[in-house]
PDB file of all heavy atoms in Angstrom:
ATOM      1  N   ILE A   1       7.245   2.094  -1.493  1.00  0.00           N
ATOM      2  CA  ILE A   1       6.311   2.876  -2.240  1.00  0.00           C
ATOM      3  C   ILE A   1       7.066   3.653  -3.401  1.00  0.00           C
ATOM      4  O   ILE A   1       6.586   3.633  -4.462  1.00  0.00           O
ATOM      5  CB  ILE A   1       5.592   3.818  -1.361  1.00  0.00           C
ATOM      6  CG1 ILE A   1       4.526   3.074  -0.420  1.00  0.00           C
ATOM      7  CG2 ILE A   1       4.775   4.929  -2.097  1.00  0.00           C
ATOM      8  CD1 ILE A   1       4.001   3.844   0.745  1.00  0.00           C
ATOM      9  N   GLU A   2       8.189   4.146  -3.056  1.00  0.00           N
ATOM     10  CA  GLU A   2       8.972   4.893  -4.060  1.00  0.00           C
ATOM     11  C   GLU A   2       9.413   3.870  -5.187  1.00  0.00           C
ATOM     12  O   GLU A   2       9.452   4.293  -6.366  1.00  0.00           O
ATOM     13  CB  GLU A   2      10.224   5.578  -3.525  1.00  0.00           C
ATOM     14  CG  GLU A   2       9.840   6.750  -2.611  1.00  0.00           C
ATOM     15  CD  GLU A   2       9.059   7.778  -3.407  1.00  0.00           C
ATOM     16  OE1 GLU A   2       9.445   8.128  -4.573  1.00  0.00           O
ATOM     17  OE2 GLU A   2       8.025   8.301  -2.879  1.00  0.00           O
ATOM     18  N   TRP A   3       9.795   2.663  -4.831  1.00  0.00           N
ATOM     19  CA  TRP A   3      10.108   1.638  -5.813  1.00  0.00           C
ATOM     20  C   TRP A   3       8.962   1.361  -6.768  1.00  0.00           C
ATOM     21  O   TRP A   3       9.136   1.388  -7.977  1.00  0.00           O
ATOM     22  CB  TRP A   3      10.536   0.310  -5.114  1.00  0.00           C
ATOM     23  CG  TRP A   3      11.054  -0.718  -6.019  1.00  0.00           C
ATOM     24  CD1 TRP A   3      12.335  -0.761  -6.541  1.00  0.00           C
ATOM     25  CD2 TRP A   3      10.350  -1.771  -6.487  1.00  0.00           C
ATOM     26  NE1 TRP A   3      12.439  -1.937  -7.366  1.00  0.00           N
ATOM     27  CE2 TRP A   3      11.235  -2.532  -7.366  1.00  0.00           C
ATOM     28  CE3 TRP A   3       9.046  -2.246  -6.342  1.00  0.00           C
ATOM     29  CZ2 TRP A   3      10.845  -3.691  -8.063  1.00  0.00           C
ATOM     30  CZ3 TRP A   3       8.691  -3.439  -7.075  1.00  0.00           C
ATOM     31  CH2 TRP A   3       9.565  -4.110  -7.838  1.00  0.00           C
ATOM     32  N   TYR A   4       7.736   1.213  -6.184  1.00  0.00           N
ATOM     33  CA  TYR A   4       6.591   0.975  -7.038  1.00  0.00           C
ATOM     34  C   TYR A   4       6.334   2.201  -7.917  1.00  0.00           C
ATOM     35  O   TYR A   4       5.954   2.038  -9.118  1.00  0.00           O
ATOM     36  CB  TYR A   4       5.325   0.645  -6.225  1.00  0.00           C
ATOM     37  CG  TYR A   4       5.414  -0.819  -5.729  1.00  0.00           C
ATOM     38  CD1 TYR A   4       5.379  -1.113  -4.410  1.00  0.00           C
ATOM     39  CD2 TYR A   4       5.306  -1.859  -6.637  1.00  0.00           C
ATOM     40  CE1 TYR A   4       5.347  -2.432  -3.956  1.00  0.00           C
ATOM     41  CE2 TYR A   4       5.291  -3.216  -6.294  1.00  0.00           C
ATOM     42  CZ  TYR A   4       5.284  -3.488  -4.863  1.00  0.00           C
ATOM     43  OH  TYR A   4       5.327  -4.797  -4.478  1.00  0.00           O
ATOM     44  N   LYS A   5       6.451   3.399  -7.417  1.00  0.00           N
ATOM     45  CA  LYS A   5       6.261   4.554  -8.210  1.00  0.00           C
ATOM     46  C   LYS A   5       7.202   4.642  -9.349  1.00  0.00           C
ATOM     47  O   LYS A   5       6.801   5.033 -10.444  1.00  0.00           O
ATOM     48  CB  LYS A   5       6.345   5.855  -7.304  1.00  0.00           C
ATOM     49  CG  LYS A   5       5.106   6.025  -6.365  1.00  0.00           C
ATOM     50  CD  LYS A   5       5.226   7.268  -5.508  1.00  0.00           C
ATOM     51  CE  LYS A   5       4.004   7.503  -4.798  1.00  0.00           C
ATOM     52  NZ  LYS A   5       4.110   8.718  -3.937  1.00  0.00           N
ATOM     53  N   ARG A   6       8.441   4.263  -9.137  1.00  0.00           N
ATOM     54  CA  ARG A   6       9.446   4.195 -10.248  1.00  0.00           C
ATOM     55  C   ARG A   6       9.060   3.254 -11.382  1.00  0.00           C
ATOM     56  O   ARG A   6       9.504   3.351 -12.465  1.00  0.00           O
ATOM     57  CB  ARG A   6      10.830   3.924  -9.732  1.00  0.00           C
ATOM     58  CG  ARG A   6      11.490   4.974  -8.985  1.00  0.00           C
ATOM     59  CD  ARG A   6      12.964   4.793  -8.684  1.00  0.00           C
ATOM     60  NE  ARG A   6      13.306   3.565  -8.005  1.00  0.00           N
ATOM     61  CZ  ARG A   6      13.355   3.387  -6.750  1.00  0.00           C
ATOM     62  NH1 ARG A   6      13.061   4.417  -5.938  1.00  0.00           N
ATOM     63  NH2 ARG A   6      13.748   2.253  -6.223  1.00  0.00           N
ATOM     64  N   HIS A   7       8.177   2.319 -10.945  1.00  0.00           N
ATOM     65  CA  HIS A   7       7.671   1.307 -11.889  1.00  0.00           C
ATOM     66  C   HIS A   7       6.281   1.639 -12.502  1.00  0.00           C
ATOM     67  O   HIS A   7       5.604   0.779 -13.000  1.00  0.00           O
ATOM     68  CB  HIS A   7       7.767  -0.065 -11.388  1.00  0.00           C
ATOM     69  CG  HIS A   7       9.183  -0.593 -11.141  1.00  0.00           C
ATOM     70  ND1 HIS A   7       9.857  -0.298  -9.992  1.00  0.00           N
ATOM     71  CD2 HIS A   7      10.002  -1.125 -11.978  1.00  0.00           C
ATOM     72  CE1 HIS A   7      11.121  -0.722 -10.138  1.00  0.00           C
ATOM     73  NE2 HIS A   7      11.228  -1.271 -11.339  1.00  0.00           N
ATOM     74  N   GLY A   8       5.863   2.889 -12.268  1.00  0.00           N
ATOM     75  CA  GLY A   8       4.671   3.315 -12.889  1.00  0.00           C
ATOM     76  C   GLY A   8       3.430   3.328 -12.030  1.00  0.00           C
ATOM     77  O   GLY A   8       2.280   3.703 -12.603  1.00  0.00           O
ATOM     78  N   TYR A   9       3.537   2.996 -10.803  1.00  0.00           N
ATOM     79  CA  TYR A   9       2.325   2.926  -9.914  1.00  0.00           C
ATOM     80  C   TYR A   9       2.172   4.300  -9.299  1.00  0.00           C
ATOM     81  O   TYR A   9       3.106   5.043  -9.051  1.00  0.00           O
ATOM     82  CB  TYR A   9       2.540   1.801  -8.800  1.00  0.00           C
ATOM     83  CG  TYR A   9       2.361   0.501  -9.445  1.00  0.00           C
ATOM     84  CD1 TYR A   9       3.415  -0.150 -10.071  1.00  0.00           C
ATOM     85  CD2 TYR A   9       1.186  -0.156  -9.460  1.00  0.00           C
ATOM     86  CE1 TYR A   9       3.321  -1.374 -10.641  1.00  0.00           C
ATOM     87  CE2 TYR A   9       0.973  -1.435 -10.013  1.00  0.00           C
ATOM     88  CZ  TYR A   9       2.044  -2.015 -10.554  1.00  0.00           C
ATOM     89  OH  TYR A   9       1.926  -3.298 -11.164  1.00  0.00           O
ATOM     90  N   VAL A  10       0.896   4.703  -9.129  1.00  0.00           N
ATOM     91  CA  VAL A  10       0.622   6.069  -8.519  1.00  0.00           C
ATOM     92  C   VAL A  10      -0.293   5.885  -7.326  1.00  0.00           C
ATOM     93  O   VAL A  10      -1.132   4.903  -7.298  1.00  0.00           O
ATOM     94  CB  VAL A  10      -0.091   6.918  -9.582  1.00  0.00           C
ATOM     95  CG1 VAL A  10       0.846   7.309 -10.701  1.00  0.00           C
ATOM     96  CG2 VAL A  10      -1.372   6.363 -10.036  1.00  0.00           C
ATOM     97  N   ASP A  11      -0.131   6.724  -6.419  1.00  0.00           N
ATOM     98  CA  ASP A  11      -0.969   6.801  -5.185  1.00  0.00           C
ATOM     99  C   ASP A  11      -2.410   7.219  -5.631  1.00  0.00           C
ATOM    100  O   ASP A  11      -2.474   8.349  -6.088  1.00  0.00           O
ATOM    101  CB  ASP A  11      -0.359   7.700  -4.102  1.00  0.00           C
ATOM    102  CG  ASP A  11      -1.118   7.821  -2.892  1.00  0.00           C
ATOM    103  OD1 ASP A  11      -2.176   7.200  -2.737  1.00  0.00           O
ATOM    104  OD2 ASP A  11      -0.663   8.570  -1.960  1.00  0.00           O
ATOM    105  N   THR A  12      -3.413   6.424  -5.319  1.00  0.00           N
ATOM    106  CA  THR A  12      -4.813   6.800  -5.659  1.00  0.00           C
ATOM    107  C   THR A  12      -5.360   7.802  -4.673  1.00  0.00           C
ATOM    108  O   THR A  12      -6.437   8.299  -4.915  1.00  0.00           O
ATOM    109  CB  THR A  12      -5.674   5.607  -5.695  1.00  0.00           C
ATOM    110  OG1 THR A  12      -5.685   5.035  -4.402  1.00  0.00           O
ATOM    111  CG2 THR A  12      -5.154   4.590  -6.766  1.00  0.00           C
ATOM    112  N   GLY A  13      -4.730   7.891  -3.505  1.00  0.00           N
ATOM    113  CA  GLY A  13      -5.287   8.824  -2.488  1.00  0.00           C
ATOM    114  C   GLY A  13      -6.179   8.000  -1.485  1.00  0.00           C
ATOM    115  O   GLY A  13      -6.547   8.475  -0.378  1.00  0.00           O
ATOM    116  N   VAL A  14      -6.500   6.782  -1.818  1.00  0.00           N
ATOM    117  CA  VAL A  14      -7.325   5.863  -1.057  1.00  0.00           C
ATOM    118  C   VAL A  14      -6.467   5.232   0.069  1.00  0.00           C
ATOM    119  O   VAL A  14      -5.397   4.804  -0.202  1.00  0.00           O
ATOM    120  CB  VAL A  14      -8.023   4.838  -1.946  1.00  0.00           C
ATOM    121  CG1 VAL A  14      -8.805   3.934  -1.051  1.00  0.00           C
ATOM    122  CG2 VAL A  14      -8.936   5.464  -3.001  1.00  0.00           C
ATOM    123  N   ARG A  15      -7.047   5.223   1.236  1.00  0.00           N
ATOM    124  CA  ARG A  15      -6.408   4.515   2.398  1.00  0.00           C
ATOM    125  C   ARG A  15      -7.345   3.504   2.941  1.00  0.00           C
ATOM    126  O   ARG A  15      -8.546   3.706   2.996  1.00  0.00           O
ATOM    127  CB  ARG A  15      -6.010   5.551   3.468  1.00  0.00           C
ATOM    128  CG  ARG A  15      -5.016   6.614   3.087  1.00  0.00           C
ATOM    129  CD  ARG A  15      -3.652   6.064   2.701  1.00  0.00           C
ATOM    130  NE  ARG A  15      -2.703   7.030   2.233  1.00  0.00           N
ATOM    131  CZ  ARG A  15      -2.507   7.414   1.002  1.00  0.00           C
ATOM    132  NH1 ARG A  15      -3.226   6.849  -0.012  1.00  0.00           N
ATOM    133  NH2 ARG A  15      -1.638   8.270   0.635  1.00  0.00           N
ATOM    134  N   GLU A  16      -6.780   2.362   3.278  1.00  0.00           N
ATOM    135  CA  GLU A  16      -7.617   1.291   3.921  1.00  0.00           C
ATOM    136  C   GLU A  16      -6.988   0.969   5.287  1.00  0.00           C
ATOM    137  O   GLU A  16      -5.753   1.043   5.482  1.00  0.00           O
ATOM    138  CB  GLU A  16      -7.552   0.112   2.961  1.00  0.00           C
ATOM    139  CG  GLU A  16      -8.180   0.330   1.623  1.00  0.00           C
ATOM    140  CD  GLU A  16      -8.174  -0.893   0.729  1.00  0.00           C
ATOM    141  OE1 GLU A  16      -7.585  -1.836   1.003  1.00  0.00           O
ATOM    142  OE2 GLU A  16      -8.826  -0.852  -0.347  1.00  0.00           O
ATOM    143  N   PRO A  17      -7.841   0.470   6.198  1.00  0.00           N
ATOM    144  CA  PRO A  17      -7.349   0.094   7.486  1.00  0.00           C
ATOM    145  C   PRO A  17      -6.401  -1.137   7.414  1.00  0.00           C
ATOM    146  O   PRO A  17      -6.573  -1.988   6.533  1.00  0.00           O
ATOM    147  CB  PRO A  17      -8.573  -0.243   8.281  1.00  0.00           C
ATOM    148  CG  PRO A  17      -9.625  -0.447   7.352  1.00  0.00           C
ATOM    149  CD  PRO A  17      -9.279   0.245   6.053  1.00  0.00           C
ATOM    150  N   PHE A  18      -5.394  -1.126   8.234  1.00  0.00           N
ATOM    151  CA  PHE A  18      -4.545  -2.351   8.291  1.00  0.00           C
ATOM    152  C   PHE A  18      -5.163  -3.249   9.361  1.00  0.00           C
ATOM    153  O   PHE A  18      -5.366  -2.893  10.507  1.00  0.00           O
ATOM    154  CB  PHE A  18      -3.110  -1.946   8.822  1.00  0.00           C
ATOM    155  CG  PHE A  18      -2.254  -3.076   8.972  1.00  0.00           C
ATOM    156  CD1 PHE A  18      -1.513  -3.523   7.898  1.00  0.00           C
ATOM    157  CD2 PHE A  18      -2.053  -3.754  10.111  1.00  0.00           C
ATOM    158  CE1 PHE A  18      -0.678  -4.593   7.938  1.00  0.00           C
ATOM    159  CE2 PHE A  18      -1.243  -4.852  10.265  1.00  0.00           C
ATOM    160  CZ  PHE A  18      -0.511  -5.333   9.095  1.00  0.00           C
ATOM    161  N   LEU A  19      -5.585  -4.421   8.901  1.00  0.00           N
ATOM    162  CA  LEU A  19      -6.149  -5.412   9.767  1.00  0.00           C
ATOM    163  C   LEU A  19      -5.165  -6.545  10.059  1.00  0.00           C
ATOM    164  O   LEU A  19      -4.528  -7.010   9.172  1.00  0.00           O
ATOM    165  CB  LEU A  19      -7.394  -5.972   9.093  1.00  0.00           C
ATOM    166  CG  LEU A  19      -8.499  -4.964   8.636  1.00  0.00           C
ATOM    167  CD1 LEU A  19      -9.617  -5.658   7.845  1.00  0.00           C
ATOM    168  CD2 LEU A  19      -8.988  -4.361   9.913  1.00  0.00           C
ATOM    169  N   LEU A  20      -5.086  -6.936  11.314  1.00  0.00           N
ATOM    170  CA  LEU A  20      -4.122  -7.935  11.708  1.00  0.00           C
ATOM    171  C   LEU A  20      -4.658  -9.328  11.397  1.00  0.00           C
ATOM    172  O   LEU A  20      -5.844  -9.584  11.534  1.00  0.00           O
ATOM    173  CB  LEU A  20      -3.920  -7.802  13.214  1.00  0.00           C
ATOM    174  CG  LEU A  20      -2.967  -6.769  13.709  1.00  0.00           C
ATOM    175  CD1 LEU A  20      -2.961  -6.745  15.284  1.00  0.00           C
ATOM    176  CD2 LEU A  20      -1.577  -6.859  13.152  1.00  0.00           C
ATOM    177  N   ASN A  21      -3.719 -10.181  10.952  1.00  0.00           N
ATOM    178  CA  ASN A  21      -4.037 -11.605  10.864  1.00  0.00           C
ATOM    179  C   ASN A  21      -3.911 -12.216  12.229  1.00  0.00           C
ATOM    180  O   ASN A  21      -3.353 -11.535  13.146  1.00  0.00           O
ATOM    181  CB  ASN A  21      -3.064 -12.291   9.925  1.00  0.00           C
ATOM    182  CG  ASN A  21      -3.197 -11.805   8.457  1.00  0.00           C
ATOM    183  OD1 ASN A  21      -4.318 -11.607   7.978  1.00  0.00           O
ATOM    184  ND2 ASN A  21      -2.126 -11.823   7.750  1.00  0.00           N
ATOM    185  N   ASP A  22      -4.375 -13.385  12.400  1.00  0.00           N
ATOM    186  CA  ASP A  22      -4.264 -14.101  13.726  1.00  0.00           C
ATOM    187  C   ASP A  22      -2.825 -14.147  14.195  1.00  0.00           C
ATOM    188  O   ASP A  22      -2.581 -14.106  15.356  1.00  0.00           O
ATOM    189  CB  ASP A  22      -4.902 -15.478  13.701  1.00  0.00           C
ATOM    190  CG  ASP A  22      -6.450 -15.411  13.468  1.00  0.00           C
ATOM    191  OD1 ASP A  22      -7.015 -14.422  13.799  1.00  0.00           O
ATOM    192  OD2 ASP A  22      -7.048 -16.417  13.056  1.00  0.00           O
ATOM    193  N   SER A  23      -1.942 -14.390  13.279  1.00  0.00           N
ATOM    194  CA  SER A  23      -0.542 -14.653  13.691  1.00  0.00           C
ATOM    195  C   SER A  23       0.304 -13.332  13.735  1.00  0.00           C
ATOM    196  O   SER A  23       1.431 -13.350  14.064  1.00  0.00           O
ATOM    197  CB  SER A  23       0.104 -15.609  12.739  1.00  0.00           C
ATOM    198  OG  SER A  23       0.124 -15.068  11.359  1.00  0.00           O
ATOM    199  N   ASP A  24      -0.320 -12.160  13.384  1.00  0.00           N
ATOM    200  CA  ASP A  24       0.447 -10.881  13.358  1.00  0.00           C
ATOM    201  C   ASP A  24       0.420 -10.250  14.725  1.00  0.00           C
ATOM    202  O   ASP A  24      -0.473 -10.361  15.496  1.00  0.00           O
ATOM    203  CB  ASP A  24      -0.254  -9.893  12.400  1.00  0.00           C
ATOM    204  CG  ASP A  24       0.002 -10.188  10.945  1.00  0.00           C
ATOM    205  OD1 ASP A  24       1.034 -10.833  10.642  1.00  0.00           O
ATOM    206  OD2 ASP A  24      -0.749  -9.695  10.122  1.00  0.00           O
TER     207      ASP A  24
END
């Protein structure tokens, strides 16, 4: 996340559930 922030990305404050794939 810090790497992406250094490249101009910002945290929108939105969170989404982590859904497992069949193989995860």
